[in-house]
Amino acid sequence: SLGQPLGKILAMTIAKPDNLDYLIPVPLHIDSER
């Protein structure tokens, strides 16, 4: 549950780039325990 609030505060402090279609997260490792 920490992830989304942290993402929000980051987005509010850094300018959004123009003409942005997608946000692409780095994927989770294949053997991740998470």
ModelCIF file with pLDDT and N, C-alpha, C, O atoms, coordinates in Angstrom:
data_MODEL
#
_entry.id   MODEL 
#
_entity.id                         1 
_entity.type                       polymer 
_entity.pdbx_number_of_molecules   1 
#
_entity_poly.entity_id                      1 
_entity_poly.type                           'polypeptide(L)' 
_entity_poly.nstd_linkage                   no 
_entity_poly.nstd_monomer                   no 
_entity_poly.pdbx_seq_one_letter_code       SLGQPLGKILAMTIAKPDNLDYLIPVPLHIDSER 
_entity_poly.pdbx_seq_one_letter_code_can   SLGQPLGKILAMTIAKPDNLDYLIPVPLHIDSER 
_entity_poly.pdbx_strand_id                 A 
#
loop_
_entity_poly_seq.entity_id 
_entity_poly_seq.num 
_entity_poly_seq.mon_id 
_entity_poly_seq.hetero 
1 1  SER n 
1 2  LEU n 
1 3  GLY n 
1 4  GLN n 
1 5  PRO n 
1 6  LEU n 
1 7  GLY n 
1 8  LYS n 
1 9  ILE n 
1 10 LEU n 
1 11 ALA n 
1 12 MET n 
1 13 THR n 
1 14 ILE n 
1 15 ALA n 
1 16 LYS n 
1 17 PRO n 
1 18 ASP n 
1 19 ASN n 
1 20 LEU n 
1 21 ASP n 
1 22 TYR n 
1 23 LEU n 
1 24 ILE n 
1 25 PRO n 
1 26 VAL n 
1 27 PRO n 
1 28 LEU n 
1 29 HIS n 
1 30 ILE n 
1 31 ASP n 
1 32 SER n 
1 33 GLU n 
1 34 ARG n 
#
_struct_asym.id          A 
_struct_asym.entity_id   1 
#
loop_
_ma_qa_metric.id 
_ma_qa_metric.mode 
_ma_qa_metric.name 
_ma_qa_metric.software_group_id 
_ma_qa_metric.type 
1 global pLDDT . pLDDT 
2 local  pLDDT . pLDDT 
#
_ma_qa_metric_global.metric_id      1 
_ma_qa_metric_global.metric_value   93.06 
_ma_qa_metric_global.model_id       1 
_ma_qa_metric_global.ordinal_id     1 
#
loop_
_ma_qa_metric_local.label_asym_id 
_ma_qa_metric_local.label_comp_id 
_ma_qa_metric_local.label_seq_id 
_ma_qa_metric_local.metric_id 
_ma_qa_metric_local.metric_value 
_ma_qa_metric_local.model_id 
_ma_qa_metric_local.ordinal_id 
A SER 1  2 92.00 1 1  
A LEU 2  2 94.00 1 2  
A GLY 3  2 96.00 1 3  
A GLN 4  2 96.00 1 4  
A PRO 5  2 95.00 1 5  
A LEU 6  2 96.00 1 6  
A GLY 7  2 96.00 1 7  
A LYS 8  2 95.00 1 8  
A ILE 9  2 93.00 1 9  
A LEU 10 2 94.00 1 10 
A ALA 11 2 95.00 1 11 
A MET 12 2 91.00 1 12 
A THR 13 2 88.00 1 13 
A ILE 14 2 89.00 1 14 
A ALA 15 2 88.00 1 15 
A LYS 16 2 92.00 1 16 
A PRO 17 2 92.00 1 17 
A ASP 18 2 92.00 1 18 
A ASN 19 2 92.00 1 19 
A LEU 20 2 97.00 1 20 
A ASP 21 2 97.00 1 21 
A TYR 22 2 98.00 1 22 
A LEU 23 2 98.00 1 23 
A ILE 24 2 98.00 1 24 
A PRO 25 2 98.00 1 25 
A VAL 26 2 97.00 1 26 
A PRO 27 2 96.00 1 27 
A LEU 28 2 94.00 1 28 
A HIS 29 2 91.00 1 29 
A ILE 30 2 90.00 1 30 
A ASP 31 2 85.00 1 31 
A SER 32 2 86.00 1 32 
A GLU 33 2 85.00 1 33 
A ARG 34 2 88.00 1 34 
#
loop_
_atom_site.group_PDB 
_atom_site.id 
_atom_site.type_symbol 
_atom_site.label_atom_id 
_atom_site.label_alt_id 
_atom_site.label_comp_id 
_atom_site.label_asym_id 
_atom_site.label_entity_id 
_atom_site.label_seq_id 
_atom_site.pdbx_PDB_ins_code 
_atom_site.Cartn_x 
_atom_site.Cartn_y 
_atom_site.Cartn_z 
_atom_site.occupancy 
_atom_site.B_iso_or_equiv 
_atom_site.pdbx_formal_charge 
_atom_site.auth_seq_id 
_atom_site.auth_comp_id 
_atom_site.auth_asym_id 
_atom_site.auth_atom_id 
_atom_site.pdbx_PDB_model_num 
ATOM 1   N N  . SER A 1 1  ? 0.804  -1.224  0.000   1.00 92.00 ? 1  SER A N  1 
ATOM 2   C CA . SER A 1 1  ? 0.000  0.000   0.000   1.00 92.00 ? 1  SER A CA 1 
ATOM 3   C C  . SER A 1 1  ? 0.837  1.275   0.000   1.00 92.00 ? 1  SER A C  1 
ATOM 4   O O  . SER A 1 1  ? 0.294  2.364   -0.187  1.00 92.00 ? 1  SER A O  1 
ATOM 5   N N  . LEU A 1 2  ? 2.150  1.161   0.206   1.00 94.00 ? 2  LEU A N  1 
ATOM 6   C CA . LEU A 1 2  ? 3.020  2.334   0.138   1.00 94.00 ? 2  LEU A CA 1 
ATOM 7   C C  . LEU A 1 2  ? 3.250  2.786   -1.309  1.00 94.00 ? 2  LEU A C  1 
ATOM 8   O O  . LEU A 1 2  ? 3.552  3.954   -1.553  1.00 94.00 ? 2  LEU A O  1 
ATOM 9   N N  . GLY A 1 3  ? 3.109  1.870   -2.262  1.00 96.00 ? 3  GLY A N  1 
ATOM 10  C CA . GLY A 1 3  ? 3.497  2.155   -3.635  1.00 96.00 ? 3  GLY A CA 1 
ATOM 11  C C  . GLY A 1 3  ? 2.755  3.311   -4.268  1.00 96.00 ? 3  GLY A C  1 
ATOM 12  O O  . GLY A 1 3  ? 3.378  4.220   -4.818  1.00 96.00 ? 3  GLY A O  1 
ATOM 13  N N  . GLN A 1 4  ? 1.443  3.293   -4.200  1.00 96.00 ? 4  GLN A N  1 
ATOM 14  C CA . GLN A 1 4  ? 0.668  4.331   -4.869  1.00 96.00 ? 4  GLN A CA 1 
ATOM 15  C C  . GLN A 1 4  ? 0.849  5.720   -4.249  1.00 96.00 ? 4  GLN A C  1 
ATOM 16  O O  . GLN A 1 4  ? 1.024  6.684   -4.994  1.00 96.00 ? 4  GLN A O  1 
ATOM 17  N N  . PRO A 1 5  ? 0.816  5.865   -2.917  1.00 95.00 ? 5  PRO A N  1 
ATOM 18  C CA . PRO A 1 5  ? 1.085  7.197   -2.350  1.00 95.00 ? 5  PRO A CA 1 
ATOM 19  C C  . PRO A 1 5  ? 2.458  7.737   -2.723  1.00 95.00 ? 5  PRO A C  1 
ATOM 20  O O  . PRO A 1 5  ? 2.607  8.934   -2.966  1.00 95.00 ? 5  PRO A O  1 
ATOM 21  N N  . LEU A 1 6  ? 3.458  6.872   -2.769  1.00 96.00 ? 6  LEU A N  1 
ATOM 22  C CA . LEU A 1 6  ? 4.797  7.307   -3.160  1.00 96.00 ? 6  LEU A CA 1 
ATOM 23  C C  . LEU A 1 6  ? 4.813  7.755   -4.624  1.00 96.00 ? 6  LEU A C  1 
ATOM 24  O O  . LEU A 1 6  ? 5.453  8.748   -4.971  1.00 96.00 ? 6  LEU A O  1 
ATOM 25  N N  . GLY A 1 7  ? 4.103  7.015   -5.475  1.00 96.00 ? 7  GLY A N  1 
ATOM 26  C CA . GLY A 1 7  ? 4.008  7.410   -6.870  1.00 96.00 ? 7  GLY A CA 1 
ATOM 27  C C  . GLY A 1 7  ? 3.311  8.744   -7.041  1.00 96.00 ? 7  GLY A C  1 
ATOM 28  O O  . GLY A 1 7  ? 3.716  9.560   -7.869  1.00 96.00 ? 7  GLY A O  1 
ATOM 29  N N  . LYS A 1 8  ? 2.272  8.969   -6.265  1.00 95.00 ? 8  LYS A N  1 
ATOM 30  C CA . LYS A 1 8  ? 1.538  10.231  -6.351  1.00 95.00 ? 8  LYS A CA 1 
ATOM 31  C C  . LYS A 1 8  ? 2.412  11.414  -5.951  1.00 95.00 ? 8  LYS A C  1 
ATOM 32  O O  . LYS A 1 8  ? 2.427  12.438  -6.634  1.00 95.00 ? 8  LYS A O  1 
ATOM 33  N N  . ILE A 1 9  ? 3.134  11.275  -4.851  1.00 93.00 ? 9  ILE A N  1 
ATOM 34  C CA . ILE A 1 9  ? 3.946  12.396  -4.386  1.00 93.00 ? 9  ILE A CA 1 
ATOM 35  C C  . ILE A 1 9  ? 5.093  12.658  -5.350  1.00 93.00 ? 9  ILE A C  1 
ATOM 36  O O  . ILE A 1 9  ? 5.510  13.804  -5.517  1.00 93.00 ? 9  ILE A O  1 
ATOM 37  N N  . LEU A 1 10 ? 5.611  11.606  -5.990  1.00 94.00 ? 10 LEU A N  1 
ATOM 38  C CA . LEU A 1 10 ? 6.647  11.794  -7.000  1.00 94.00 ? 10 LEU A CA 1 
ATOM 39  C C  . LEU A 1 10 ? 6.090  12.560  -8.198  1.00 94.00 ? 10 LEU A C  1 
ATOM 40  O O  . LEU A 1 10 ? 6.726  13.488  -8.699  1.00 94.00 ? 10 LEU A O  1 
ATOM 41  N N  . ALA A 1 11 ? 4.902  12.167  -8.653  1.00 95.00 ? 11 ALA A N  1 
ATOM 42  C CA . ALA A 1 11 ? 4.291  12.813  -9.816  1.00 95.00 ? 11 ALA A CA 1 
ATOM 43  C C  . ALA A 1 11 ? 3.953  14.272  -9.552  1.00 95.00 ? 11 ALA A C  1 
ATOM 44  O O  . ALA A 1 11 ? 3.950  15.090  -10.472 1.00 95.00 ? 11 ALA A O  1 
ATOM 45  N N  . MET A 1 12 ? 3.670  14.598  -8.305  1.00 91.00 ? 12 MET A N  1 
ATOM 46  C CA . MET A 1 12 ? 3.314  15.978  -7.964  1.00 91.00 ? 12 MET A CA 1 
ATOM 47  C C  . MET A 1 12 ? 4.529  16.886  -7.854  1.00 91.00 ? 12 MET A C  1 
ATOM 48  O O  . MET A 1 12 ? 4.388  18.108  -7.822  1.00 91.00 ? 12 MET A O  1 
ATOM 49  N N  . THR A 1 13 ? 5.723  16.300  -7.796  1.00 88.00 ? 13 THR A N  1 
ATOM 50  C CA . THR A 1 13 ? 6.931  17.114  -7.643  1.00 88.00 ? 13 THR A CA 1 
ATOM 51  C C  . THR A 1 13 ? 7.800  17.160  -8.894  1.00 88.00 ? 13 THR A C  1 
ATOM 52  O O  . THR A 1 13 ? 8.756  17.932  -8.960  1.00 88.00 ? 13 THR A O  1 
ATOM 53  N N  . ILE A 1 14 ? 7.469  16.332  -9.888  1.00 89.00 ? 14 ILE A N  1 
ATOM 54  C CA . ILE A 1 14 ? 8.230  16.302  -11.143 1.00 89.00 ? 14 ILE A CA 1 
ATOM 55  C C  . ILE A 1 14 ? 7.258  16.552  -12.292 1.00 89.00 ? 14 ILE A C  1 
ATOM 56  O O  . ILE A 1 14 ? 6.182  15.956  -12.341 1.00 89.00 ? 14 ILE A O  1 
ATOM 57  N N  . ALA A 1 15 ? 7.633  17.423  -13.203 1.00 88.00 ? 15 ALA A N  1 
ATOM 58  C CA . ALA A 1 15 ? 6.749  17.803  -14.298 1.00 88.00 ? 15 ALA A CA 1 
ATOM 59  C C  . ALA A 1 15 ? 6.464  16.626  -15.234 1.00 88.00 ? 15 ALA A C  1 
ATOM 60  O O  . ALA A 1 15 ? 7.366  15.862  -15.579 1.00 88.00 ? 15 ALA A O  1 
ATOM 61  N N  . LYS A 1 16 ? 5.218  16.493  -15.633 1.00 92.00 ? 16 LYS A N  1 
ATOM 62  C CA . LYS A 1 16 ? 4.822  15.469  -16.587 1.00 92.00 ? 16 LYS A CA 1 
ATOM 63  C C  . LYS A 1 16 ? 5.346  15.834  -17.972 1.00 92.00 ? 16 LYS A C  1 
ATOM 64  O O  . LYS A 1 16 ? 5.182  16.975  -18.405 1.00 92.00 ? 16 LYS A O  1 
ATOM 65  N N  . PRO A 1 17 ? 5.970  14.892  -18.676 1.00 92.00 ? 17 PRO A N  1 
ATOM 66  C CA . PRO A 1 17 ? 6.428  15.184  -20.038 1.00 92.00 ? 17 PRO A CA 1 
ATOM 67  C C  . PRO A 1 17 ? 5.244  15.321  -20.996 1.00 92.00 ? 17 PRO A C  1 
ATOM 68  O O  . PRO A 1 17 ? 4.187  14.729  -20.776 1.00 92.00 ? 17 PRO A O  1 
ATOM 69  N N  . ASP A 1 18 ? 5.425  16.091  -22.039 1.00 92.00 ? 18 ASP A N  1 
ATOM 70  C CA . ASP A 1 18 ? 4.366  16.275  -23.037 1.00 92.00 ? 18 ASP A CA 1 
ATOM 71  C C  . ASP A 1 18 ? 4.229  15.037  -23.920 1.00 92.00 ? 18 ASP A C  1 
ATOM 72  O O  . ASP A 1 18 ? 5.178  14.278  -24.116 1.00 92.00 ? 18 ASP A O  1 
ATOM 73  N N  . ASN A 1 19 ? 3.019  14.860  -24.445 1.00 92.00 ? 19 ASN A N  1 
ATOM 74  C CA . ASN A 1 19 ? 2.744  13.813  -25.448 1.00 92.00 ? 19 ASN A CA 1 
ATOM 75  C C  . ASN A 1 19 ? 3.151  12.419  -24.961 1.00 92.00 ? 19 ASN A C  1 
ATOM 76  O O  . ASN A 1 19 ? 3.793  11.658  -25.684 1.00 92.00 ? 19 ASN A O  1 
ATOM 77  N N  . LEU A 1 20 ? 2.773  12.107  -23.744 1.00 97.00 ? 20 LEU A N  1 
ATOM 78  C CA . LEU A 1 20 ? 3.127  10.814  -23.150 1.00 97.00 ? 20 LEU A CA 1 
ATOM 79  C C  . LEU A 1 20 ? 1.962  9.845   -23.283 1.00 97.00 ? 20 LEU A C  1 
ATOM 80  O O  . LEU A 1 20 ? 0.870  10.114  -22.781 1.00 97.00 ? 20 LEU A O  1 
ATOM 81  N N  . ASP A 1 21 ? 2.186  8.713   -23.960 1.00 97.00 ? 21 ASP A N  1 
ATOM 82  C CA . ASP A 1 21 ? 1.123  7.729   -24.162 1.00 97.00 ? 21 ASP A CA 1 
ATOM 83  C C  . ASP A 1 21 ? 1.025  6.718   -23.031 1.00 97.00 ? 21 ASP A C  1 
ATOM 84  O O  . ASP A 1 21 ? -0.073 6.355   -22.610 1.00 97.00 ? 21 ASP A O  1 
ATOM 85  N N  . TYR A 1 22 ? 2.185  6.260   -22.535 1.00 98.00 ? 22 TYR A N  1 
ATOM 86  C CA . TYR A 1 22 ? 2.178  5.174   -21.560 1.00 98.00 ? 22 TYR A CA 1 
ATOM 87  C C  . TYR A 1 22 ? 3.220  5.376   -20.459 1.00 98.00 ? 22 TYR A C  1 
ATOM 88  O O  . TYR A 1 22 ? 4.244  6.033   -20.645 1.00 98.00 ? 22 TYR A O  1 
ATOM 89  N N  . LEU A 1 23 ? 2.915  4.792   -19.325 1.00 98.00 ? 23 LEU A N  1 
ATOM 90  C CA . LEU A 1 23 ? 3.901  4.550   -18.275 1.00 98.00 ? 23 LEU A CA 1 
ATOM 91  C C  . LEU A 1 23 ? 4.212  3.060   -18.309 1.00 98.00 ? 23 LEU A C  1 
ATOM 92  O O  . LEU A 1 23 ? 3.298  2.237   -18.253 1.00 98.00 ? 23 LEU A O  1 
ATOM 93  N N  . ILE A 1 24 ? 5.483  2.707   -18.400 1.00 98.00 ? 24 ILE A N  1 
ATOM 94  C CA . ILE A 1 24 ? 5.875  1.297   -18.462 1.00 98.00 ? 24 ILE A CA 1 
ATOM 95  C C  . ILE A 1 24 ? 6.727  0.962   -17.246 1.00 98.00 ? 24 ILE A C  1 
ATOM 96  O O  . ILE A 1 24 ? 7.878  1.392   -17.167 1.00 98.00 ? 24 ILE A O  1 
ATOM 97  N N  . PRO A 1 25 ? 6.184  0.200   -16.291 1.00 98.00 ? 25 PRO A N  1 
ATOM 98  C CA . PRO A 1 25 ? 6.977  -0.173  -15.115 1.00 98.00 ? 25 PRO A CA 1 
ATOM 99  C C  . PRO A 1 25 ? 7.981  -1.275  -15.437 1.00 98.00 ? 25 PRO A C  1 
ATOM 100 O O  . PRO A 1 25 ? 7.721  -2.140  -16.274 1.00 98.00 ? 25 PRO A O  1 
ATOM 101 N N  . VAL A 1 26 ? 9.114  -1.235  -14.774 1.00 97.00 ? 26 VAL A N  1 
ATOM 102 C CA . VAL A 1 26 ? 10.063 -2.349  -14.865 1.00 97.00 ? 26 VAL A CA 1 
ATOM 103 C C  . VAL A 1 26 ? 9.360  -3.595  -14.332 1.00 97.00 ? 26 VAL A C  1 
ATOM 104 O O  . VAL A 1 26 ? 8.794  -3.549  -13.240 1.00 97.00 ? 26 VAL A O  1 
ATOM 105 N N  . PRO A 1 27 ? 9.378  -4.697  -15.066 1.00 96.00 ? 27 PRO A N  1 
ATOM 106 C CA . PRO A 1 27 ? 8.636  -5.894  -14.628 1.00 96.00 ? 27 PRO A CA 1 
ATOM 107 C C  . PRO A 1 27 ? 9.255  -6.572  -13.415 1.00 96.00 ? 27 PRO A C  1 
ATOM 108 O O  . PRO A 1 27 ? 10.424 -6.367  -13.090 1.00 96.00 ? 27 PRO A O  1 
ATOM 109 N N  . LEU A 1 28 ? 8.449  -7.372  -12.768 1.00 94.00 ? 28 LEU A N  1 
ATOM 110 C CA . LEU A 1 28 ? 8.901  -8.153  -11.623 1.00 94.00 ? 28 LEU A CA 1 
ATOM 111 C C  . LEU A 1 28 ? 9.754  -9.317  -12.109 1.00 94.00 ? 28 LEU A C  1 
ATOM 112 O O  . LEU A 1 28 ? 9.447  -9.931  -13.131 1.00 94.00 ? 28 LEU A O  1 
ATOM 113 N N  . HIS A 1 29 ? 10.817 -9.619  -11.386 1.00 91.00 ? 29 HIS A N  1 
ATOM 114 C CA . HIS A 1 29 ? 11.695 -10.731 -11.754 1.00 91.00 ? 29 HIS A CA 1 
ATOM 115 C C  . HIS A 1 29 ? 10.931 -12.053 -11.796 1.00 91.00 ? 29 HIS A C  1 
ATOM 116 O O  . HIS A 1 29 ? 9.976  -12.258 -11.047 1.00 91.00 ? 29 HIS A O  1 
ATOM 117 N N  . ILE A 1 30 ? 11.358 -12.921 -12.659 1.00 90.00 ? 30 ILE A N  1 
ATOM 118 C CA . ILE A 1 30 ? 10.682 -14.206 -12.859 1.00 90.00 ? 30 ILE A CA 1 
ATOM 119 C C  . ILE A 1 30 ? 10.585 -15.005 -11.568 1.00 90.00 ? 30 ILE A C  1 
ATOM 120 O O  . ILE A 1 30 ? 9.533  -15.569 -11.267 1.00 90.00 ? 30 ILE A O  1 
ATOM 121 N N  . ASP A 1 31 ? 11.660 -15.058 -10.808 1.00 85.00 ? 31 ASP A N  1 
ATOM 122 C CA . ASP A 1 31 ? 11.684 -15.890 -9.604  1.00 85.00 ? 31 ASP A CA 1 
ATOM 123 C C  . ASP A 1 31 ? 11.486 -15.076 -8.332  1.00 85.00 ? 31 ASP A C  1 
ATOM 124 O O  . ASP A 1 31 ? 11.876 -15.514 -7.250  1.00 85.00 ? 31 ASP A O  1 
ATOM 125 N N  . SER A 1 32 ? 10.889 -13.908 -8.450  1.00 86.00 ? 32 SER A N  1 
ATOM 126 C CA . SER A 1 32 ? 10.715 -13.048 -7.283  1.00 86.00 ? 32 SER A CA 1 
ATOM 127 C C  . SER A 1 32 ? 9.790  -13.687 -6.247  1.00 86.00 ? 32 SER A C  1 
ATOM 128 O O  . SER A 1 32 ? 8.789  -14.312 -6.599  1.00 86.00 ? 32 SER A O  1 
ATOM 129 N N  . GLU A 1 33 ? 10.129 -13.528 -4.985  1.00 85.00 ? 33 GLU A N  1 
ATOM 130 C CA . GLU A 1 33 ? 9.281  -14.009 -3.902  1.00 85.00 ? 33 GLU A CA 1 
ATOM 131 C C  . GLU A 1 33 ? 8.165  -13.015 -3.598  1.00 85.00 ? 33 GLU A C  1 
ATOM 132 O O  . GLU A 1 33 ? 7.241  -13.321 -2.844  1.00 85.00 ? 33 GLU A O  1 
ATOM 133 N N  . ARG A 1 34 ? 8.252  -11.842 -4.178  1.00 88.00 ? 34 ARG A N  1 
ATOM 134 C CA . ARG A 1 34 ? 7.262  -10.800 -3.928  1.00 88.00 ? 34 ARG A CA 1 
ATOM 135 C C  . ARG A 1 34 ? 5.963  -11.127 -4.663  1.00 88.00 ? 34 ARG A C  1 
ATOM 136 O O  . ARG A 1 34 ? 4.998  -10.367 -4.580  1.00 88.00 ? 34 ARG A O  1 
#
